PDB file of N, CA and C in Angstrom:
ATOM      1  N   MET A   1      24.819   9.310 -21.515  1.00  0.00           N
ATOM      2  CA  MET A   1      23.916   8.285 -21.037  1.00  0.00           C
ATOM      3  C   MET A   1      24.033   8.421 -19.478  1.00  0.00           C
ATOM      4  N   ILE A   2      23.388   8.157 -18.606  1.00  0.00           N
ATOM      5  CA  ILE A   2      22.789   8.114 -17.181  1.00  0.00           C
ATOM      6  C   ILE A   2      22.813   6.514 -17.056  1.00  0.00           C
ATOM      7  N   SER A   3      23.820   6.330 -15.996  1.00  0.00           N
ATOM      8  CA  SER A   3      23.912   4.849 -15.698  1.00  0.00           C
ATOM      9  C   SER A   3      22.553   4.560 -14.480  1.00  0.00           C
ATOM     10  N   GLU A   4      22.606   3.518 -14.177  1.00  0.00           N
ATOM     11  CA  GLU A   4      21.252   3.148 -13.660  1.00  0.00           C
ATOM     12  C   GLU A   4      21.678   3.639 -12.111  1.00  0.00           C
ATOM     13  N   ASP A   5      22.858   3.524 -11.843  1.00  0.00           N
ATOM     14  CA  ASP A   5      23.062   3.810 -10.448  1.00  0.00           C
ATOM     15  C   ASP A   5      22.526   5.344  -9.912  1.00  0.00           C
ATOM     16  N   ASP A   6      22.756   6.380 -11.065  1.00  0.00           N
ATOM     17  CA  ASP A   6      22.765   7.715 -11.346  1.00  0.00           C
ATOM     18  C   ASP A   6      21.043   7.879 -11.163  1.00  0.00           C
ATOM     19  N   ALA A   7      20.217   7.006 -12.029  1.00  0.00           N
ATOM     20  CA  ALA A   7      19.033   7.542 -11.914  1.00  0.00           C
ATOM     21  C   ALA A   7      18.265   6.964 -10.684  1.00  0.00           C
ATOM     22  N   ARG A   8      18.890   6.128  -9.740  1.00  0.00           N
ATOM     23  CA  ARG A   8      18.670   5.743  -8.933  1.00  0.00           C
ATOM     24  C   ARG A   8      18.490   6.498  -7.681  1.00  0.00           C
ATOM     25  N   ASP A   9      20.105   7.056  -7.414  1.00  0.00           N
ATOM     26  CA  ASP A   9      20.139   8.298  -6.631  1.00  0.00           C
ATOM     27  C   ASP A   9      19.396   9.712  -6.952  1.00  0.00           C
ATOM     28  N   GLU A  10      19.371   9.791  -8.308  1.00  0.00           N
ATOM     29  CA  GLU A  10      18.119  10.656  -9.000  1.00  0.00           C
ATOM     30  C   GLU A  10      16.488  10.556  -8.162  1.00  0.00           C
ATOM     31  N   THR A  11      16.210   9.437  -8.485  1.00  0.00           N
ATOM     32  CA  THR A  11      15.081   8.757  -8.030  1.00  0.00           C
ATOM     33  C   THR A  11      14.896   9.204  -5.998  1.00  0.00           C
ATOM     34  N   ARG A  12      15.726   8.699  -5.647  1.00  0.00           N
ATOM     35  CA  ARG A  12      16.113   8.974  -4.070  1.00  0.00           C
ATOM     36  C   ARG A  12      15.987  10.348  -3.632  1.00  0.00           C
ATOM     37  N   SER A  13      16.359  11.002  -4.005  1.00  0.00           N
ATOM     38  CA  SER A  13      16.636  12.216  -4.068  1.00  0.00           C
ATOM     39  C   SER A  13      15.636  13.261  -3.944  1.00  0.00           C
ATOM     40  N   SER A  14      14.674  13.253  -5.280  1.00  0.00           N
ATOM     41  CA  SER A  14      13.844  13.705  -5.397  1.00  0.00           C
ATOM     42  C   SER A  14      12.272  13.189  -4.396  1.00  0.00           C
ATOM     43  N   GLU A  15      12.447  12.099  -3.852  1.00  0.00           N
ATOM     44  CA  GLU A  15      11.332  11.155  -3.369  1.00  0.00           C
ATOM     45  C   GLU A  15      11.761  11.546  -1.774  1.00  0.00           C
ATOM     46  N   GLY A  16      12.534  12.165  -1.293  1.00  0.00           N
ATOM     47  CA  GLY A  16      12.274  12.491  -0.029  1.00  0.00           C
ATOM     48  C   GLY A  16      12.439  14.811  -0.454  1.00  0.00           C
ATOM     49  N   ALA A  17      12.162  14.993  -1.051  1.00  0.00           N
ATOM     50  CA  ALA A  17      12.329  16.618  -1.306  1.00  0.00           C
ATOM     51  C   ALA A  17      11.299  16.671  -0.273  1.00  0.00           C
ATOM     52  N   GLY A  18      11.421  17.839   0.546  1.00  0.00           N
ATOM     53  CA  GLY A  18      10.046  18.463   0.938  1.00  0.00           C
ATOM     54  C   GLY A  18      10.054  17.562   2.163  1.00  0.00           C
ATOM     55  N   GLU A  19      10.234  16.421   2.807  1.00  0.00           N
ATOM     56  CA  GLU A  19      10.478  15.888   3.964  1.00  0.00           C
ATOM     57  C   GLU A  19      11.304  16.345   4.936  1.00  0.00           C
ATOM     58  N   ASN A  20      10.800  17.514   5.994  1.00  0.00           N
ATOM     59  CA  ASN A  20      11.985  17.236   7.046  1.00  0.00           C
ATOM     60  C   ASN A  20      11.070  17.077   8.031  1.00  0.00           C
ATOM     61  N   PRO A  21      11.309  16.364   9.203  1.00  0.00           N
ATOM     62  CA  PRO A  21      10.465  16.188  10.148  1.00  0.00           C
ATOM     63  C   PRO A  21      10.347  17.114  11.415  1.00  0.00           C
ATOM     64  N   ALA A  22      12.193  17.141  11.071  1.00  0.00           N
ATOM     65  CA  ALA A  22      12.536  18.177  12.763  1.00  0.00           C
ATOM     66  C   ALA A  22      12.090  19.761  12.125  1.00  0.00           C
ATOM     67  N   GLY A  23      12.055  20.376  11.061  1.00  0.00           N
ATOM     68  CA  GLY A  23      11.731  21.522  10.354  1.00  0.00           C
ATOM     69  C   GLY A  23       9.872  21.419  10.727  1.00  0.00           C
ATOM     70  N   ASP A  24       9.250  20.333  10.910  1.00  0.00           N
ATOM     71  CA  ASP A  24       7.975  20.448  10.719  1.00  0.00           C
ATOM     72  C   ASP A  24       7.862  20.626  12.034  1.00  0.00           C
ATOM     73  N   ALA A  25       8.336  20.223  13.058  1.00  0.00           N
ATOM     74  CA  ALA A  25       8.072  20.101  14.716  1.00  0.00           C
ATOM     75  C   ALA A  25       8.686  21.649  15.340  1.00  0.00           C
ATOM     76  N   TRP A  26       9.674  22.154  14.301  1.00  0.00           N
ATOM     77  CA  TRP A  26       9.797  23.657  14.550  1.00  0.00           C
ATOM     78  C   TRP A  26       8.870  24.247  14.407  1.00  0.00           C
ATOM     79  N   SER A  27       8.384  24.161  13.210  1.00  0.00           N
ATOM     80  CA  SER A  27       7.512  25.110  12.559  1.00  0.00           C
ATOM     81  C   SER A  27       5.871  25.242  13.373  1.00  0.00           C
ATOM     82  N   ARG A  28       5.627  23.868  13.850  1.00  0.00           N
ATOM     83  CA  ARG A  28       4.890  23.852  14.911  1.00  0.00           C
ATOM     84  C   ARG A  28       4.636  24.552  15.861  1.00  0.00           C
ATOM     85  N   GLN A  29       5.953  23.950  16.882  1.00  0.00           N
ATOM     86  CA  GLN A  29       6.041  24.765  17.879  1.00  0.00           C
ATOM     87  C   GLN A  29       5.981  26.230  17.962  1.00  0.00           C
ATOM     88  N   LEU A  30       6.748  26.624  17.018  1.00  0.00           N
ATOM     89  CA  LEU A  30       6.900  28.267  16.357  1.00  0.00           C
ATOM     90  C   LEU A  30       5.395  28.990  16.805  1.00  0.00           C
ATOM     91  N   LEU A  31       5.057  28.153  15.681  1.00  0.00           N
ATOM     92  CA  LEU A  31       3.208  28.369  15.232  1.00  0.00           C
ATOM     93  C   LEU A  31       2.417  28.678  16.684  1.00  0.00           C
ATOM     94  N   GLY A  32       2.561  27.405  17.569  1.00  0.00           N
ATOM     95  CA  GLY A  32       2.271  27.421  18.929  1.00  0.00           C
ATOM     96  C   GLY A  32       2.291  28.613  19.519  1.00  0.00           C
ATOM     97  N   ALA A  33       3.427  28.992  19.539  1.00  0.00           N
ATOM     98  CA  ALA A  33       4.090  30.071  20.506  1.00  0.00           C
ATOM     99  C   ALA A  33       3.732  31.305  20.086  1.00  0.00           C
ATOM    100  N   LEU A  34       3.604  31.440  18.502  1.00  0.00           N
ATOM    101  CA  LEU A  34       3.116  32.413  18.276  1.00  0.00           C
ATOM    102  C   LEU A  34       1.266  33.030  18.353  1.00  0.00           C
ATOM    103  N   VAL A  35       0.633  32.146  18.255  1.00  0.00           N
ATOM    104  CA  VAL A  35      -0.519  31.768  19.018  1.00  0.00           C
ATOM    105  C   VAL A  35      -0.903  31.696  19.819  1.00  0.00           C
ATOM    106  N   GLY A  36      -0.131  31.199  21.284  1.00  0.00           N
ATOM    107  CA  GLY A  36      -0.258  32.111  22.177  1.00  0.00           C
ATOM    108  C   GLY A  36       0.205  32.818  22.657  1.00  0.00           C
ATOM    109  N   ALA A  37       1.155  33.824  22.204  1.00  0.00           N
ATOM    110  CA  ALA A  37       1.476  34.895  22.610  1.00  0.00           C
ATOM    111  C   ALA A  37       0.007  35.740  22.401  1.00  0.00           C
ATOM    112  N   LEU A  38      -0.329  35.434  21.558  1.00  0.00           N
ATOM    113  CA  LEU A  38      -1.417  36.038  20.880  1.00  0.00           C
ATOM    114  C   LEU A  38      -2.860  35.505  21.635  1.00  0.00           C
ATOM    115  N   ALA A  39      -3.020  34.804  22.208  1.00  0.00           N
ATOM    116  CA  ALA A  39      -3.927  34.292  23.207  1.00  0.00           C
ATOM    117  C   ALA A  39      -4.030  35.163  24.252  1.00  0.00           C
ATOM    118  N   GLY A  40      -2.387  35.272  24.635  1.00  0.00           N
ATOM    119  CA  GLY A  40      -2.063  35.567  25.787  1.00  0.00           C
ATOM    120  C   GLY A  40      -2.492  37.276  25.954  1.00  0.00           C
ATOM    121  N   LEU A  41      -2.181  38.015  25.178  1.00  0.00           N
ATOM    122  CA  LEU A  41      -2.542  39.089  24.998  1.00  0.00           C
ATOM    123  C   LEU A  41      -3.893  39.386  24.679  1.00  0.00           C
ATOM    124  N   LEU A  42      -4.455  38.761  24.095  1.00  0.00           N
ATOM    125  CA  LEU A  42      -6.551  38.747  23.960  1.00  0.00           C
ATOM    126  C   LEU A  42      -7.004  38.568  25.393  1.00  0.00           C
ATOM    127  N   VAL A  43      -6.068  37.334  26.365  1.00  0.00           N
ATOM    128  CA  VAL A  43      -6.704  37.288  27.290  1.00  0.00           C
ATOM    129  C   VAL A  43      -6.867  38.407  28.048  1.00  0.00           C
ATOM    130  N   LEU A  44      -5.596  38.973  28.156  1.00  0.00           N
ATOM    131  CA  LEU A  44      -5.641  40.310  28.925  1.00  0.00           C
ATOM    132  C   LEU A  44      -6.168  41.585  28.711  1.00  0.00           C
ATOM    133  N   ILE A  45      -6.625  41.497  27.290  1.00  0.00           N
ATOM    134  CA  ILE A  45      -6.951  42.687  26.866  1.00  0.00           C
ATOM    135  C   ILE A  45      -8.728  42.557  27.597  1.00  0.00           C
ATOM    136  N   LEU A  46      -9.446  41.086  27.193  1.00  0.00           N
ATOM    137  CA  LEU A  46     -10.411  41.244  27.332  1.00  0.00           C
ATOM    138  C   LEU A  46     -10.695  41.112  29.202  1.00  0.00           C
ATOM    139  N   GLY A  47      -9.970  40.622  29.641  1.00  0.00           N
ATOM    140  CA  GLY A  47      -9.336  40.762  31.435  1.00  0.00           C
ATOM    141  C   GLY A  47      -9.617  42.510  31.766  1.00  0.00           C
ATOM    142  N   GLU A  48      -9.129  43.109  31.199  1.00  0.00           N
ATOM    143  CA  GLU A  48      -8.941  44.794  31.353  1.00  0.00           C
ATOM    144  C   GLU A  48     -10.202  45.463  31.348  1.00  0.00           C
ATOM    145  N   SER A  49     -10.947  44.821  30.121  1.00  0.00           N
ATOM    146  CA  SER A  49     -12.151  45.670  29.927  1.00  0.00           C
ATOM    147  C   SER A  49     -13.104  45.270  30.749  1.00  0.00           C
ATOM    148  N   VAL A  50     -12.977  43.846  31.441  1.00  0.00           N
ATOM    149  CA  VAL A  50     -14.115  43.878  32.473  1.00  0.00           C
ATOM    150  C   VAL A  50     -13.614  44.110  33.736  1.00  0.00           C
ATOM    151  N   GLY A  51     -11.982  44.753  34.173  1.00  0.00           N
ATOM    152  CA  GLY A  51     -11.577  45.001  35.682  1.00  0.00           C
ATOM    153  C   GLY A  51     -11.087  43.772  36.226  1.00  0.00           C
ATOM    154  N   ALA A  52     -10.918  42.260  35.682  1.00  0.00           N
ATOM    155  CA  ALA A  52     -10.380  41.155  36.388  1.00  0.00           C
ATOM    156  C   ALA A  52      -8.860  41.411  36.305  1.00  0.00           C
ATOM    157  N   LEU A  53      -7.977  41.848  35.440  1.00  0.00           N
ATOM    158  CA  LEU A  53      -6.898  41.588  34.834  1.00  0.00           C
ATOM    159  C   LEU A  53      -6.058  42.796  34.683  1.00  0.00           C
ATOM    160  N   SER A  54      -4.892  42.809  34.986  1.00  0.00           N
ATOM    161  CA  SER A  54      -3.942  44.181  35.141  1.00  0.00           C
ATOM    162  C   SER A  54      -2.662  43.620  35.368  1.00  0.00           C
ATOM    163  N   GLY A  55      -1.866  44.637  34.276  1.00  0.00           N
ATOM    164  CA  GLY A  55      -0.560  43.831  34.428  1.00  0.00           C
ATOM    165  C   GLY A  55       0.287  44.220  32.961  1.00  0.00           C
ATOM    166  N   ASP A  56       1.281  43.833  33.098  1.00  0.00           N
ATOM    167  CA  ASP A  56       2.389  43.883  32.027  1.00  0.00           C
ATOM    168  C   ASP A  56       1.534  43.315  30.575  1.00  0.00           C
ATOM    169  N   ARG A  57       1.546  43.854  29.849  1.00  0.00           N
ATOM    170  CA  ARG A  57       1.072  43.110  28.871  1.00  0.00           C
ATOM    171  C   ARG A  57       2.121  41.640  27.758  1.00  0.00           C
ATOM    172  N   VAL A  58       3.563  42.548  27.964  1.00  0.00           N
ATOM    173  CA  VAL A  58       4.825  41.295  27.536  1.00  0.00           C
ATOM    174  C   VAL A  58       4.755  40.246  28.647  1.00  0.00           C
ATOM    175  N   ARG A  59       4.581  40.333  29.786  1.00  0.00           N
ATOM    176  CA  ARG A  59       4.250  38.622  30.475  1.00  0.00           C
ATOM    177  C   ARG A  59       3.185  37.769  30.286  1.00  0.00           C
ATOM    178  N   TYR A  60       2.326  38.453  29.769  1.00  0.00           N
ATOM    179  CA  TYR A  60       0.982  38.015  29.440  1.00  0.00           C
ATOM    180  C   TYR A  60       1.173  37.152  28.446  1.00  0.00           C
ATOM    181  N   MET A  61       2.195  37.690  27.187  1.00  0.00           N
ATOM    182  CA  MET A  61       2.264  37.648  25.579  1.00  0.00           C
ATOM    183  C   MET A  61       3.594  36.026  26.148  1.00  0.00           C
ATOM    184  N   LEU A  62       4.210  36.205  26.687  1.00  0.00           N
ATOM    185  CA  LEU A  62       4.928  35.255  26.875  1.00  0.00           C
ATOM    186  C   LEU A  62       4.652  34.082  27.276  1.00  0.00           C
ATOM    187  N   TRP A  63       4.225  34.028  28.770  1.00  0.00           N
ATOM    188  CA  TRP A  63       3.504  32.925  28.783  1.00  0.00           C
ATOM    189  C   TRP A  63       2.564  32.640  28.038  1.00  0.00           C
ATOM    190  N   GLY A  64       1.483  33.069  27.497  1.00  0.00           N
ATOM    191  CA  GLY A  64       0.842  32.730  26.283  1.00  0.00           C
ATOM    192  C   GLY A  64       1.916  31.910  25.295  1.00  0.00           C
ATOM    193  N   ALA A  65       3.309  32.310  25.116  1.00  0.00           N
ATOM    194  CA  ALA A  65       3.950  31.767  24.166  1.00  0.00           C
ATOM    195  C   ALA A  65       4.477  30.461  24.817  1.00  0.00           C
ATOM    196  N   VAL A  66       4.967  30.493  25.720  1.00  0.00           N
ATOM    197  CA  VAL A  66       5.087  29.554  26.605  1.00  0.00           C
ATOM    198  C   VAL A  66       4.449  28.418  26.351  1.00  0.00           C
ATOM    199  N   VAL A  67       3.344  28.490  26.690  1.00  0.00           N
ATOM    200  CA  VAL A  67       2.160  27.064  26.851  1.00  0.00           C
ATOM    201  C   VAL A  67       2.008  27.074  25.159  1.00  0.00           C
ATOM    202  N   GLY A  68       1.733  27.732  24.521  1.00  0.00           N
ATOM    203  CA  GLY A  68       1.541  27.512  23.007  1.00  0.00           C
ATOM    204  C   GLY A  68       2.650  26.909  22.660  1.00  0.00           C
ATOM    205  N   GLY A  69       4.414  27.138  22.793  1.00  0.00           N
ATOM    206  CA  GLY A  69       4.884  26.596  22.485  1.00  0.00           C
ATOM    207  C   GLY A  69       5.157  24.949  22.949  1.00  0.00           C
ATOM    208  N   LEU A  70       4.980  25.013  24.276  1.00  0.00           N
ATOM    209  CA  LEU A  70       5.004  23.640  24.493  1.00  0.00           C
ATOM    210  C   LEU A  70       3.364  22.688  24.167  1.00  0.00           C
ATOM    211  N   ILE A  71       2.541  23.234  23.606  1.00  0.00           N
ATOM    212  CA  ILE A  71       1.356  22.702  23.397  1.00  0.00           C
ATOM    213  C   ILE A  71       1.802  22.403  21.885  1.00  0.00           C
ATOM    214  N   GLY A  72       2.470  23.418  20.748  1.00  0.00           N
ATOM    215  CA  GLY A  72       2.765  22.863  19.606  1.00  0.00           C
ATOM    216  C   GLY A  72       4.050  21.673  19.243  1.00  0.00           C
ATOM    217  N   ALA A  73       4.551  21.425  20.578  1.00  0.00           N
ATOM    218  CA  ALA A  73       5.769  20.503  20.943  1.00  0.00           C
ATOM    219  C   ALA A  73       5.481  19.261  21.349  1.00  0.00           C
ATOM    220  N   SER A  74       4.133  19.155  21.292  1.00  0.00           N
ATOM    221  CA  SER A  74       3.173  17.700  21.964  1.00  0.00           C
ATOM    222  C   SER A  74       3.594  16.406  22.084  1.00  0.00           C
ATOM    223  N   GLU A  75       3.696  16.505  20.339  1.00  0.00           N
ATOM    224  CA  GLU A  75       4.881  15.396  20.066  1.00  0.00           C
ATOM    225  C   GLU A  75       6.247  14.815  20.467  1.00  0.00           C
ATOM    226  N   LYS A  76       6.901  16.092  20.510  1.00  0.00           N
ATOM    227  CA  LYS A  76       8.216  15.760  20.775  1.00  0.00           C
ATOM    228  C   LYS A  76       8.332  15.880  22.240  1.00  0.00           C
ATOM    229  N   LEU A  77       7.340  16.187  23.255  1.00  0.00           N
ATOM    230  CA  LEU A  77       7.533  16.005  24.800  1.00  0.00           C
ATOM    231  C   LEU A  77       6.985  14.264  24.769  1.00  0.00           C
ATOM    232  N   ALA A  78       5.574  13.940  23.727  1.00  0.00           N
ATOM    233  CA  ALA A  78       5.654  12.337  24.380  1.00  0.00           C
ATOM    234  C   ALA A  78       6.558  11.645  23.629  1.00  0.00           C
ATOM    235  N   ASP A  79       7.423  12.134  22.826  1.00  0.00           N
ATOM    236  CA  ASP A  79       8.484  10.827  22.483  1.00  0.00           C
ATOM    237  C   ASP A  79       9.863  11.018  23.379  1.00  0.00           C
ATOM    238  N   ALA A  80      10.301  12.232  23.922  1.00  0.00           N
ATOM    239  CA  ALA A  80      10.844  12.252  25.245  1.00  0.00           C
ATOM    240  C   ALA A  80      10.635  11.260  26.499  1.00  0.00           C
ATOM    241  N   GLY A  81       9.123  11.782  26.763  1.00  0.00           N
ATOM    242  CA  GLY A  81       8.881  10.811  27.897  1.00  0.00           C
ATOM    243  C   GLY A  81       8.565   9.111  27.823  1.00  0.00           C
ATOM    244  N   LYS A  82       8.434   8.933  26.584  1.00  0.00           N
ATOM    245  CA  LYS A  82       8.598   7.670  25.716  1.00  0.00           C
ATOM    246  C   LYS A  82       9.699   6.951  26.243  1.00  0.00           C
ATOM    247  N   GLY A  83      10.757   7.444  25.847  1.00  0.00           N
ATOM    248  CA  GLY A  83      11.823   7.049  26.125  1.00  0.00           C
ATOM    249  C   GLY A  83      12.319   7.007  27.860  1.00  0.00           C
ATOM    250  N   LEU A  84      11.798   7.847  28.728  1.00  0.00           N
ATOM    251  CA  LEU A  84      11.697   7.197  29.929  1.00  0.00           C
ATOM    252  C   LEU A  84      10.493   5.859  30.663  1.00  0.00           C
ATOM    253  N   THR A  85       9.261   6.263  30.180  1.00  0.00           N
ATOM    254  CA  THR A  85       8.461   5.550  30.495  1.00  0.00           C
ATOM    255  C   THR A  85       8.437   3.854  29.759  1.00  0.00           C
ATOM    256  N   LYS A  86       8.898   3.930  28.336  1.00  0.00           N
ATOM    257  CA  LYS A  86       8.888   3.074  27.613  1.00  0.00           C
ATOM    258  C   LYS A  86       6.842   2.281  27.333  1.00  0.00           C
ATOM    259  N   ARG A  87       6.616   2.864  27.628  1.00  0.00           N
ATOM    260  CA  ARG A  87       4.854   3.089  27.542  1.00  0.00           C
ATOM    261  C   ARG A  87       4.579   3.982  26.085  1.00  0.00           C
ATOM    262  N   ASP A  88       3.117   3.472  25.607  1.00  0.00           N
ATOM    263  CA  ASP A  88       2.855   4.182  24.603  1.00  0.00           C
ATOM    264  C   ASP A  88       1.366   4.984  24.641  1.00  0.00           C
ATOM    265  N   GLU A  89       1.403   5.249  26.429  1.00  0.00           N
ATOM    266  CA  GLU A  89       0.455   6.195  26.728  1.00  0.00           C
ATOM    267  C   GLU A  89       0.998   7.733  26.682  1.00  0.00           C
ATOM    268  N   THR A  90       0.364   8.667  25.448  1.00  0.00           N
ATOM    269  CA  THR A  90       0.939   9.919  25.496  1.00  0.00           C
ATOM    270  C   THR A  90       1.078  10.671  26.881  1.00  0.00           C
ATOM    271  N   TRP A  91      -0.278  10.960  27.224  1.00  0.00           N
ATOM    272  CA  TRP A  91      -0.586  11.603  28.413  1.00  0.00           C
ATOM    273  C   TRP A  91       0.635  11.589  29.423  1.00  0.00           C
ATOM    274  N   LEU A  92       0.925  10.303  29.934  1.00  0.00           N
ATOM    275  CA  LEU A  92       2.022   9.878  30.676  1.00  0.00           C
ATOM    276  C   LEU A  92       3.499  10.256  30.138  1.00  0.00           C
ATOM    277  N   ASN A  93       3.869   9.915  29.128  1.00  0.00           N
ATOM    278  CA  ASN A  93       4.424  10.450  28.431  1.00  0.00           C
ATOM    279  C   ASN A  93       5.337  12.123  28.476  1.00  0.00           C
ATOM    280  N   MET A  94       3.898  12.871  28.288  1.00  0.00           N
ATOM    281  CA  MET A  94       4.008  14.190  28.171  1.00  0.00           C
ATOM    282  C   MET A  94       3.934  14.694  29.859  1.00  0.00           C
ATOM    283  N   LEU A  95       3.676  13.923  30.362  1.00  0.00           N
ATOM    284  CA  LEU A  95       3.747  14.673  31.942  1.00  0.00           C
ATOM    285  C   LEU A  95       5.280  14.001  32.485  1.00  0.00           C
ATOM    286  N   VAL A  96       5.628  13.112  32.072  1.00  0.00           N
ATOM    287  CA  VAL A  96       6.819  12.387  32.400  1.00  0.00           C
ATOM    288  C   VAL A  96       8.115  13.515  31.920  1.00  0.00           C
ATOM    289  N   ALA A  97       7.654  13.677  30.362  1.00  0.00           N
ATOM    290  CA  ALA A  97       8.757  14.966  30.234  1.00  0.00           C
ATOM    291  C   ALA A  97       8.569  16.226  30.701  1.00  0.00           C
ATOM    292  N   LEU A  98       7.589  16.372  30.983  1.00  0.00           N
ATOM    293  CA  LEU A  98       7.196  18.193  31.482  1.00  0.00           C
ATOM    294  C   LEU A  98       7.558  17.986  33.288  1.00  0.00           C
ATOM    295  N   ILE A  99       7.819  16.772  33.652  1.00  0.00           N
ATOM    296  CA  ILE A  99       8.205  16.915  34.915  1.00  0.00           C
ATOM    297  C   ILE A  99       9.778  16.694  34.696  1.00  0.00           C
ATOM    298  N   GLY A 100      10.082  16.641  33.738  1.00  0.00           N
ATOM    299  CA  GLY A 100      11.728  15.966  33.994  1.00  0.00           C
ATOM    300  C   GLY A 100      12.254  17.487  33.966  1.00  0.00           C
ATOM    301  N   MET A 101      11.726  18.380  33.019  1.00  0.00           N
ATOM    302  CA  MET A 101      12.022  20.027  32.405  1.00  0.00           C
ATOM    303  C   MET A 101      11.960  20.237  33.693  1.00  0.00           C
ATOM    304  N   ALA A 102      10.663  20.399  34.749  1.00  0.00           N
ATOM    305  CA  ALA A 102      11.044  21.068  35.500  1.00  0.00           C
ATOM    306  C   ALA A 102      11.816  20.523  36.705  1.00  0.00           C
ATOM    307  N   VAL A 103      12.510  19.345  36.625  1.00  0.00           N
ATOM    308  CA  VAL A 103      13.123  19.158  37.616  1.00  0.00           C
ATOM    309  C   VAL A 103      14.754  19.251  37.048  1.00  0.00           C
ATOM    310  N   ILE A 104      15.165  19.623  35.693  1.00  0.00           N
ATOM    311  CA  ILE A 104      16.478  19.813  35.264  1.00  0.00           C
ATOM    312  C   ILE A 104      16.304  21.668  35.337  1.00  0.00           C
ATOM    313  N   THR A 105      15.052  21.887  35.460  1.00  0.00           N
ATOM    314  CA  THR A 105      15.575  23.527  35.538  1.00  0.00           C
ATOM    315  C   THR A 105      15.534  23.881  37.023  1.00  0.00           C
ATOM    316  N   GLY A 106      15.060  23.210  38.035  1.00  0.00           N
ATOM    317  CA  GLY A 106      15.413  23.081  39.469  1.00  0.00           C
ATOM    318  C   GLY A 106      16.606  23.150  39.699  1.00  0.00           C
ATOM    319  N   VAL A 107      17.486  21.809  38.972  1.00  0.00           N
ATOM    320  CA  VAL A 107      18.567  21.631  39.417  1.00  0.00           C
ATOM    321  C   VAL A 107      19.491  22.448  39.017  1.00  0.00           C
ATOM    322  N   VAL A 108      19.646  23.388  37.735  1.00  0.00           N
ATOM    323  CA  VAL A 108      20.226  24.342  36.925  1.00  0.00           C
ATOM    324  C   VAL A 108      20.096  25.389  38.062  1.00  0.00           C
ATOM    325  N   PHE A 109      18.923  25.727  38.598  1.00  0.00           N
ATOM    326  CA  PHE A 109      18.779  27.165  39.554  1.00  0.00           C
ATOM    327  C   PHE A 109      19.463  27.126  40.730  1.00  0.00           C
ATOM    328  N   ALA A 110      19.432  25.777  40.954  1.00  0.00           N
ATOM    329  CA  ALA A 110      19.818  25.684  42.689  1.00  0.00           C
ATOM    330  C   ALA A 110      21.225  25.974  42.401  1.00  0.00           C
ATOM    331  N   LEU A 111      22.032  25.056  41.429  1.00  0.00           N
ATOM    332  CA  LEU A 111      23.591  25.284  40.947  1.00  0.00           C
ATOM    333  C   LEU A 111      23.921  26.161  41.166  1.00  0.00           C
ATOM    334  N   ALA A 112      23.502  27.169  40.154  1.00  0.00           N
ATOM    335  CA  ALA A 112      23.617  28.896  39.902  1.00  0.00           C
ATOM    336  C   ALA A 112      23.165  29.672  40.979  1.00  0.00           C
ATOM    337  N   LEU A 113      22.105  29.014  42.510  1.00  0.00           N
ATOM    338  CA  LEU A 113      22.106  30.091  43.461  1.00  0.00           C
ATOM    339  C   LEU A 113      23.203  29.345  44.493  1.00  0.00           C
ATOM    340  N   ALA A 114      24.007  28.634  44.427  1.00  0.00           N
ATOM    341  CA  ALA A 114      25.127  27.861  45.067  1.00  0.00           C
ATOM    342  C   ALA A 114      25.979  28.352  44.642  1.00  0.00           C
ATOM    343  N   ILE A 115      26.733  28.573  43.308  1.00  0.00           N
ATOM    344  CA  ILE A 115      27.827  29.540  43.003  1.00  0.00           C
ATOM    345  C   ILE A 115      27.634  30.771  43.360  1.00  0.00           C
ATOM    346  N   THR A 116      26.342  31.521  42.895  1.00  0.00           N
ATOM    347  CA  THR A 116      26.664  32.815  43.505  1.00  0.00           C
ATOM    348  C   THR A 116      26.564  33.053  44.794  1.00  0.00           C
ATOM    349  N   ARG A 117      26.042  32.412  45.858  1.00  0.00           N
ATOM    350  CA  ARG A 117      26.235  32.155  47.397  1.00  0.00           C
ATOM    351  C   ARG A 117      27.816  31.560  47.538  1.00  0.00           C
ATOM    352  N   LEU A 118      28.418  31.114  46.822  1.00  0.00           N
ATOM    353  CA  LEU A 118      30.108  30.436  47.378  1.00  0.00           C
ATOM    354  C   LEU A 118      30.920  31.772  46.842  1.00  0.00           C
ATOM    355  N   VAL A 119      30.572  32.188  45.474  1.00  0.00           N
ATOM    356  CA  VAL A 119      31.537  33.128  44.668  1.00  0.00           C
ATOM    357  C   VAL A 119      30.903  34.642  45.202  1.00  0.00           C
ATOM    358  N   GLY A 120      30.055  34.982  45.727  1.00  0.00           N
ATOM    359  CA  GLY A 120      29.774  36.253  45.940  1.00  0.00           C
ATOM    360  C   GLY A 120      30.262  36.870  47.237  1.00  0.00           C
ATOM    361  N   PRO A 121      30.512  36.089  48.445  1.00  0.00           N
ATOM    362  CA  PRO A 121      31.664  37.118  49.442  1.00  0.00           C
ATOM    363  C   PRO A 121      33.133  37.369  48.731  1.00  0.00           C
ATOM    364  N   ALA A 122      33.544  36.441  48.118  1.00  0.00           N
ATOM    365  CA  ALA A 122      34.938  36.663  47.383  1.00  0.00           C
ATOM    366  C   ALA A 122      34.761  37.812  46.487  1.00  0.00           C
ATOM    367  N   LEU A 123      33.817  37.777  45.904  1.00  0.00           N
ATOM    368  CA  LEU A 123      33.971  38.734  45.018  1.00  0.00           C
ATOM    369  C   LEU A 123      33.390  40.731  45.683  1.00  0.00           C
ATOM    370  N   ASP A 124      32.809  40.711  46.771  1.00  0.00           N
ATOM    371  CA  ASP A 124      32.826  41.639  47.547  1.00  0.00           C
ATOM    372  C   ASP A 124      34.047  42.347  48.079  1.00  0.00           C
ATOM    373  N   ARG A 125      34.470  41.567  48.443  1.00  0.00           N
ATOM    374  CA  ARG A 125      36.012  41.855  48.671  1.00  0.00           C
ATOM    375  C   ARG A 125      36.908  43.131  47.612  1.00  0.00           C
TER     376      ARG A 125
END
């Protein structure tokens, strides 16, 4: 015989089955990246056909994937920006999150550059 607590636990576990918000966000981001990569390739092919674009296909596909991934992760960007702005304006929150990512990227790049300039002469000896 199943006790009442076991029945409640079983009901709770079956209610939440299939709900994974983090997995859904990753799925949207990956789908956006794939669609963006295909869109980047399509833009290059069309641009090459009219003579407006030329270049490496991989570069266009990667930039398309970056833009598509950002669009796919727009909800997470808005959530990250909301933590900083404390406002419900989605466009502002996304802008703040993108600026924050750019600042962090710049700081990491500057640190890497400074370290290589400091350590580089010592390694040349």
